[in-house]
Amino acid sequence: MAHTLRTAHTADLTPAELAAARDLMDAAFDDGFDDEDWEHVLGGIHALVHDETGHLLAHGSVVMRRALHRGHWLRVGYVEAVGVRADARRRGLGGLVMGVLERIVDGGYDFGALSATADGASLYLARGWQLWPGRISALGPDGVVHFPEGESGVFVRLVAVGSLDPSDGLVFDWRDGDVL
């Protein structure tokens, strides 16, 4: 199957491309992808894989977030909405999307992070992402909120920061809906 890969900022995507990406996410996540999840995808760089007829096969994006670690706010390339159309899975398209997103993370951020489903974890582990073993929190409107339920699925990709100390934890910036 021939395919094309396109990278673009959200501002450079057409309404039709954005609608196709949203539809793909709804299907890929079995309608467990809501409006707040979609909001988290926007404002960054998207990787889109289309088939020869122009239909969207795979998508992912990376957006900037901040995380507090050891008293310093770090720039985080946060990977969002990596999904592949059901009939195109197991053909390397998720890896193709991740390769583009990792290049962006590696070149522009202190480290990368993402929250993975159980189905997606093997892809990230195989690509060198590490399951974060430390505490996960977010700085919310009422102060720091601990998210123990998120600690089992957050993966990091160390870049410019070199290493992170799990004993200190990560405090992410707040966002509506799922914080992670």
C-alpha atoms as a PDB file:
ATOM      1  CA  MET A   1       0.000   0.000   0.000  1.00  0.00           C
ATOM      2  CA  ALA A   2       1.465   3.359  -1.028  1.00  0.00           C
ATOM      3  CA  HIS A   3       1.196   6.166   1.468  1.00  0.00           C
ATOM      4  CA  THR A   4       2.330   9.735   2.027  1.00  0.00           C
ATOM      5  CA  LEU A   5       3.519  11.330   5.244  1.00  0.00           C
ATOM      6  CA  ARG A   6       2.764  14.962   6.000  1.00  0.00           C
ATOM      7  CA  THR A   7       3.780  17.063   8.978  1.00  0.00           C
ATOM      8  CA  ALA A   8       2.010  20.311   9.720  1.00  0.00           C
ATOM      9  CA  HIS A   9       1.161  22.663  12.540  1.00  0.00           C
ATOM     10  CA  THR A  10      -2.498  22.705  13.554  1.00  0.00           C
ATOM     11  CA  ALA A  11      -2.828  26.152  11.931  1.00  0.00           C
ATOM     12  CA  ASP A  12      -1.823  24.662   8.561  1.00  0.00           C
ATOM     13  CA  LEU A  13      -4.369  21.834   8.560  1.00  0.00           C
ATOM     14  CA  THR A  14      -7.587  22.291   6.632  1.00  0.00           C
ATOM     15  CA  PRO A  15     -10.956  21.822   8.341  1.00  0.00           C
ATOM     16  CA  ALA A  16     -11.341  18.583   6.376  1.00  0.00           C
ATOM     17  CA  GLU A  17      -7.970  17.284   7.623  1.00  0.00           C
ATOM     18  CA  LEU A  18      -8.851  18.152  11.204  1.00  0.00           C
ATOM     19  CA  ALA A  19     -12.236  16.430  10.855  1.00  0.00           C
ATOM     20  CA  ALA A  20     -10.591  13.310   9.409  1.00  0.00           C
ATOM     21  CA  ALA A  21      -8.075  13.230  12.280  1.00  0.00           C
ATOM     22  CA  ARG A  22     -10.858  13.602  14.853  1.00  0.00           C
ATOM     23  CA  ASP A  23     -12.870  10.819  13.174  1.00  0.00           C
ATOM     24  CA  LEU A  24      -9.795   8.577  13.195  1.00  0.00           C
ATOM     25  CA  MET A  25      -9.267   9.211  16.915  1.00  0.00           C
ATOM     26  CA  ASP A  26     -12.922   8.430  17.690  1.00  0.00           C
ATOM     27  CA  ALA A  27     -12.593   5.115  15.841  1.00  0.00           C
ATOM     28  CA  ALA A  28      -9.124   4.245  17.158  1.00  0.00           C
ATOM     29  CA  PHE A  29     -10.131   4.828  20.765  1.00  0.00           C
ATOM     30  CA  ASP A  30     -13.558   3.146  20.479  1.00  0.00           C
ATOM     31  CA  ASP A  31     -15.419   6.414  21.109  1.00  0.00           C
ATOM     32  CA  GLY A  32     -13.382   6.944  24.297  1.00  0.00           C
ATOM     33  CA  PHE A  33     -11.949  10.120  22.800  1.00  0.00           C
ATOM     34  CA  ASP A  34     -13.910  13.190  23.897  1.00  0.00           C
ATOM     35  CA  ASP A  35     -13.859  16.911  23.098  1.00  0.00           C
ATOM     36  CA  GLU A  36     -11.333  17.646  25.857  1.00  0.00           C
ATOM     37  CA  ASP A  37      -9.029  14.930  24.508  1.00  0.00           C
ATOM     38  CA  TRP A  38      -9.301  16.547  21.083  1.00  0.00           C
ATOM     39  CA  GLU A  39      -8.480  19.962  22.558  1.00  0.00           C
ATOM     40  CA  HIS A  40      -5.200  18.512  23.896  1.00  0.00           C
ATOM     41  CA  VAL A  41      -4.163  17.462  20.376  1.00  0.00           C
ATOM     42  CA  LEU A  42      -4.341  20.967  18.939  1.00  0.00           C
ATOM     43  CA  GLY A  43      -1.716  23.701  18.836  1.00  0.00           C
ATOM     44  CA  GLY A  44       1.283  21.585  17.962  1.00  0.00           C
ATOM     45  CA  ILE A  45       2.801  19.613  15.113  1.00  0.00           C
ATOM     46  CA  HIS A  46       0.842  16.766  13.536  1.00  0.00           C
ATOM     47  CA  ALA A  47       2.123  13.757  11.622  1.00  0.00           C
ATOM     48  CA  LEU A  48      -0.443  12.411   9.161  1.00  0.00           C
ATOM     49  CA  VAL A  49      -0.194   9.362   6.932  1.00  0.00           C
ATOM     50  CA  HIS A  50      -2.574   9.172   3.961  1.00  0.00           C
ATOM     51  CA  ASP A  51      -3.156   6.360   1.480  1.00  0.00           C
ATOM     52  CA  GLU A  52      -2.888   6.870  -2.274  1.00  0.00           C
ATOM     53  CA  THR A  53      -6.536   8.037  -2.419  1.00  0.00           C
ATOM     54  CA  GLY A  54      -5.981  10.680   0.263  1.00  0.00           C
ATOM     55  CA  HIS A  55      -7.719   8.877   3.125  1.00  0.00           C
ATOM     56  CA  LEU A  56      -6.131   9.279   6.540  1.00  0.00           C
ATOM     57  CA  LEU A  57      -4.484   6.087   7.814  1.00  0.00           C
ATOM     58  CA  ALA A  58      -2.538   7.291  10.865  1.00  0.00           C
ATOM     59  CA  HIS A  59      -2.106  10.397  12.999  1.00  0.00           C
ATOM     60  CA  GLY A  60      -0.205  11.718  15.986  1.00  0.00           C
ATOM     61  CA  SER A  61       0.747  15.102  17.352  1.00  0.00           C
ATOM     62  CA  VAL A  62       3.213  16.672  19.746  1.00  0.00           C
ATOM     63  CA  VAL A  63       2.315  19.724  21.813  1.00  0.00           C
ATOM     64  CA  MET A  64       4.349  21.729  24.287  1.00  0.00           C
ATOM     65  CA  ARG A  65       3.672  21.293  27.972  1.00  0.00           C
ATOM     66  CA  ARG A  66       5.589  22.194  31.107  1.00  0.00           C
ATOM     67  CA  ALA A  67       6.627  19.898  33.946  1.00  0.00           C
ATOM     68  CA  LEU A  68       8.177  20.893  37.237  1.00  0.00           C
ATOM     69  CA  HIS A  69      11.064  18.666  38.280  1.00  0.00           C
ATOM     70  CA  ARG A  70      13.619  19.330  41.007  1.00  0.00           C
ATOM     71  CA  GLY A  71      12.588  22.975  41.219  1.00  0.00           C
ATOM     72  CA  HIS A  72      12.811  23.726  37.478  1.00  0.00           C
ATOM     73  CA  TRP A  73      10.080  24.021  34.868  1.00  0.00           C
ATOM     74  CA  LEU A  74      11.050  21.930  31.843  1.00  0.00           C
ATOM     75  CA  ARG A  75       9.775  22.053  28.261  1.00  0.00           C
ATOM     76  CA  VAL A  76       7.980  18.809  27.490  1.00  0.00           C
ATOM     77  CA  GLY A  77       7.155  17.552  24.003  1.00  0.00           C
ATOM     78  CA  TYR A  78       3.932  15.773  24.903  1.00  0.00           C
ATOM     79  CA  VAL A  79       2.781  13.180  22.351  1.00  0.00           C
ATOM     80  CA  GLU A  80      -0.960  13.026  21.774  1.00  0.00           C
ATOM     81  CA  ALA A  81      -3.485  11.091  19.730  1.00  0.00           C
ATOM     82  CA  VAL A  82      -1.351   8.441  18.085  1.00  0.00           C
ATOM     83  CA  GLY A  83      -3.758   6.217  16.215  1.00  0.00           C
ATOM     84  CA  VAL A  84      -3.913   4.023  13.132  1.00  0.00           C
ATOM     85  CA  ARG A  85      -7.021   3.098  11.182  1.00  0.00           C
ATOM     86  CA  ALA A  86      -8.076  -0.451  12.119  1.00  0.00           C
ATOM     87  CA  ASP A  87      -7.550  -1.924   8.635  1.00  0.00           C
ATOM     88  CA  ALA A  88      -4.061  -0.404   8.375  1.00  0.00           C
ATOM     89  CA  ARG A  89      -2.625  -1.593  11.691  1.00  0.00           C
ATOM     90  CA  ARG A  90       0.508  -3.731  12.051  1.00  0.00           C
ATOM     91  CA  ARG A  91       2.082  -2.224   8.926  1.00  0.00           C
ATOM     92  CA  GLY A  92       4.551   0.124  10.611  1.00  0.00           C
ATOM     93  CA  LEU A  93       2.453   3.270  10.317  1.00  0.00           C
ATOM     94  CA  GLY A  94       2.402   3.908  14.081  1.00  0.00           C
ATOM     95  CA  GLY A  95       6.188   3.667  14.047  1.00  0.00           C
ATOM     96  CA  LEU A  96       6.362   6.022  11.071  1.00  0.00           C
ATOM     97  CA  VAL A  97       4.266   8.599  12.942  1.00  0.00           C
ATOM     98  CA  MET A  98       6.303   8.152  16.115  1.00  0.00           C
ATOM     99  CA  GLY A  99       9.567   8.596  14.202  1.00  0.00           C
ATOM    100  CA  VAL A 100       8.455  12.052  13.087  1.00  0.00           C
ATOM    101  CA  LEU A 101       7.172  13.017  16.535  1.00  0.00           C
ATOM    102  CA  GLU A 102      10.353  11.769  18.232  1.00  0.00           C
ATOM    103  CA  ARG A 103      12.483  13.898  15.894  1.00  0.00           C
ATOM    104  CA  ILE A 104      10.444  16.932  16.951  1.00  0.00           C
ATOM    105  CA  VAL A 105      10.723  16.023  20.645  1.00  0.00           C
ATOM    106  CA  ASP A 106      14.461  15.355  20.376  1.00  0.00           C
ATOM    107  CA  GLY A 107      15.157  18.636  18.612  1.00  0.00           C
ATOM    108  CA  GLY A 108      12.896  20.978  20.527  1.00  0.00           C
ATOM    109  CA  TYR A 109      12.274  19.872  24.087  1.00  0.00           C
ATOM    110  CA  ASP A 110      13.962  18.961  27.359  1.00  0.00           C
ATOM    111  CA  PHE A 111      12.206  15.594  27.326  1.00  0.00           C
ATOM    112  CA  GLY A 112       9.237  13.820  25.818  1.00  0.00           C
ATOM    113  CA  ALA A 113       6.247  12.371  27.615  1.00  0.00           C
ATOM    114  CA  LEU A 114       3.037  10.588  26.752  1.00  0.00           C
ATOM    115  CA  SER A 115       0.251   8.690  28.417  1.00  0.00           C
ATOM    116  CA  ALA A 116      -0.205   5.268  26.836  1.00  0.00           C
ATOM    117  CA  THR A 117      -3.055   2.824  26.683  1.00  0.00           C
ATOM    118  CA  ALA A 118      -2.246  -0.802  27.434  1.00  0.00           C
ATOM    119  CA  ASP A 119      -2.447  -1.499  23.676  1.00  0.00           C
ATOM    120  CA  GLY A 120       0.036   1.253  22.831  1.00  0.00           C
ATOM    121  CA  ALA A 121       2.617   0.572  25.541  1.00  0.00           C
ATOM    122  CA  SER A 122       4.534  -2.042  23.547  1.00  0.00           C
ATOM    123  CA  LEU A 123       5.083   0.377  20.645  1.00  0.00           C
ATOM    124  CA  TYR A 124       6.606   2.994  22.945  1.00  0.00           C
ATOM    125  CA  LEU A 125       8.752   0.529  24.892  1.00  0.00           C
ATOM    126  CA  ALA A 126      10.111  -0.909  21.632  1.00  0.00           C
ATOM    127  CA  ARG A 127      11.092   2.612  20.567  1.00  0.00           C
ATOM    128  CA  GLY A 128      13.065   3.316  23.747  1.00  0.00           C
ATOM    129  CA  TRP A 129      10.470   5.222  25.743  1.00  0.00           C
ATOM    130  CA  GLN A 130      10.689   4.457  29.457  1.00  0.00           C
ATOM    131  CA  LEU A 131       7.815   3.904  31.848  1.00  0.00           C
ATOM    132  CA  TRP A 132       8.079   6.696  34.427  1.00  0.00           C
ATOM    133  CA  PRO A 133       8.553   5.033  37.839  1.00  0.00           C
ATOM    134  CA  GLY A 134       7.973   8.152  39.946  1.00  0.00           C
ATOM    135  CA  ARG A 135       5.131  10.242  41.238  1.00  0.00           C
ATOM    136  CA  ILE A 136       2.875  12.114  38.798  1.00  0.00           C
ATOM    137  CA  SER A 137       1.064  15.289  39.812  1.00  0.00           C
ATOM    138  CA  ALA A 138      -0.338  18.421  38.226  1.00  0.00           C
ATOM    139  CA  LEU A 139      -0.432  22.014  39.354  1.00  0.00           C
ATOM    140  CA  GLY A 140      -4.160  22.705  39.419  1.00  0.00           C
ATOM    141  CA  PRO A 141      -6.289  25.687  40.340  1.00  0.00           C
ATOM    142  CA  ASP A 142      -6.195  24.606  44.000  1.00  0.00           C
ATOM    143  CA  GLY A 143      -2.522  23.597  44.116  1.00  0.00           C
ATOM    144  CA  VAL A 144      -0.663  20.368  43.398  1.00  0.00           C
ATOM    145  CA  VAL A 145      -2.902  17.334  42.796  1.00  0.00           C
ATOM    146  CA  HIS A 146      -1.434  13.809  42.874  1.00  0.00           C
ATOM    147  CA  PHE A 147      -2.577  11.433  40.085  1.00  0.00           C
ATOM    148  CA  PRO A 148      -1.707   7.896  41.185  1.00  0.00           C
ATOM    149  CA  GLU A 149      -3.944   6.429  38.448  1.00  0.00           C
ATOM    150  CA  GLY A 150      -1.742   8.069  35.816  1.00  0.00           C
ATOM    151  CA  GLU A 151       1.473   6.641  37.184  1.00  0.00           C
ATOM    152  CA  SER A 152       1.029   3.281  35.503  1.00  0.00           C
ATOM    153  CA  GLY A 153       0.914   4.650  31.957  1.00  0.00           C
ATOM    154  CA  VAL A 154       3.194   7.677  31.645  1.00  0.00           C
ATOM    155  CA  PHE A 155       6.248   7.156  29.458  1.00  0.00           C
ATOM    156  CA  VAL A 156       9.193   9.526  29.063  1.00  0.00           C
ATOM    157  CA  ARG A 157      11.860  10.045  26.429  1.00  0.00           C
ATOM    158  CA  LEU A 158      14.963  11.669  27.820  1.00  0.00           C
ATOM    159  CA  VAL A 159      16.552  14.271  25.582  1.00  0.00           C
ATOM    160  CA  ALA A 160      18.321  17.474  26.614  1.00  0.00           C
ATOM    161  CA  VAL A 161      17.653  17.047  30.322  1.00  0.00           C
ATOM    162  CA  GLY A 162      19.812  13.892  30.389  1.00  0.00           C
ATOM    163  CA  SER A 163      18.119  12.210  33.326  1.00  0.00           C
ATOM    164  CA  LEU A 164      15.198  12.703  35.641  1.00  0.00           C
ATOM    165  CA  ASP A 165      15.104  11.661  39.292  1.00  0.00           C
ATOM    166  CA  PRO A 166      12.006   9.542  39.944  1.00  0.00           C
ATOM    167  CA  SER A 167      12.239  10.255  43.665  1.00  0.00           C
ATOM    168  CA  ASP A 168      11.350  13.892  42.954  1.00  0.00           C
ATOM    169  CA  GLY A 169       8.373  13.204  40.671  1.00  0.00           C
ATOM    170  CA  LEU A 170       6.930  15.247  37.834  1.00  0.00           C
ATOM    171  CA  VAL A 171       4.376  18.026  38.281  1.00  0.00           C
ATOM    172  CA  PHE A 172       2.687  18.745  34.945  1.00  0.00           C
ATOM    173  CA  ASP A 173       0.831  21.876  33.977  1.00  0.00           C
ATOM    174  CA  TRP A 174      -2.934  21.682  34.420  1.00  0.00           C
ATOM    175  CA  ARG A 175      -5.386  21.214  31.581  1.00  0.00           C
ATOM    176  CA  ASP A 176      -9.105  20.549  31.522  1.00  0.00           C
ATOM    177  CA  GLY A 177     -10.250  16.970  31.153  1.00  0.00           C
ATOM    178  CA  ASP A 178      -7.540  14.350  31.456  1.00  0.00           C
ATOM    179  CA  VAL A 179      -4.529  16.113  32.907  1.00  0.00           C
ATOM    180  CA  LEU A 180      -2.137  13.505  31.500  1.00  0.00           C
END
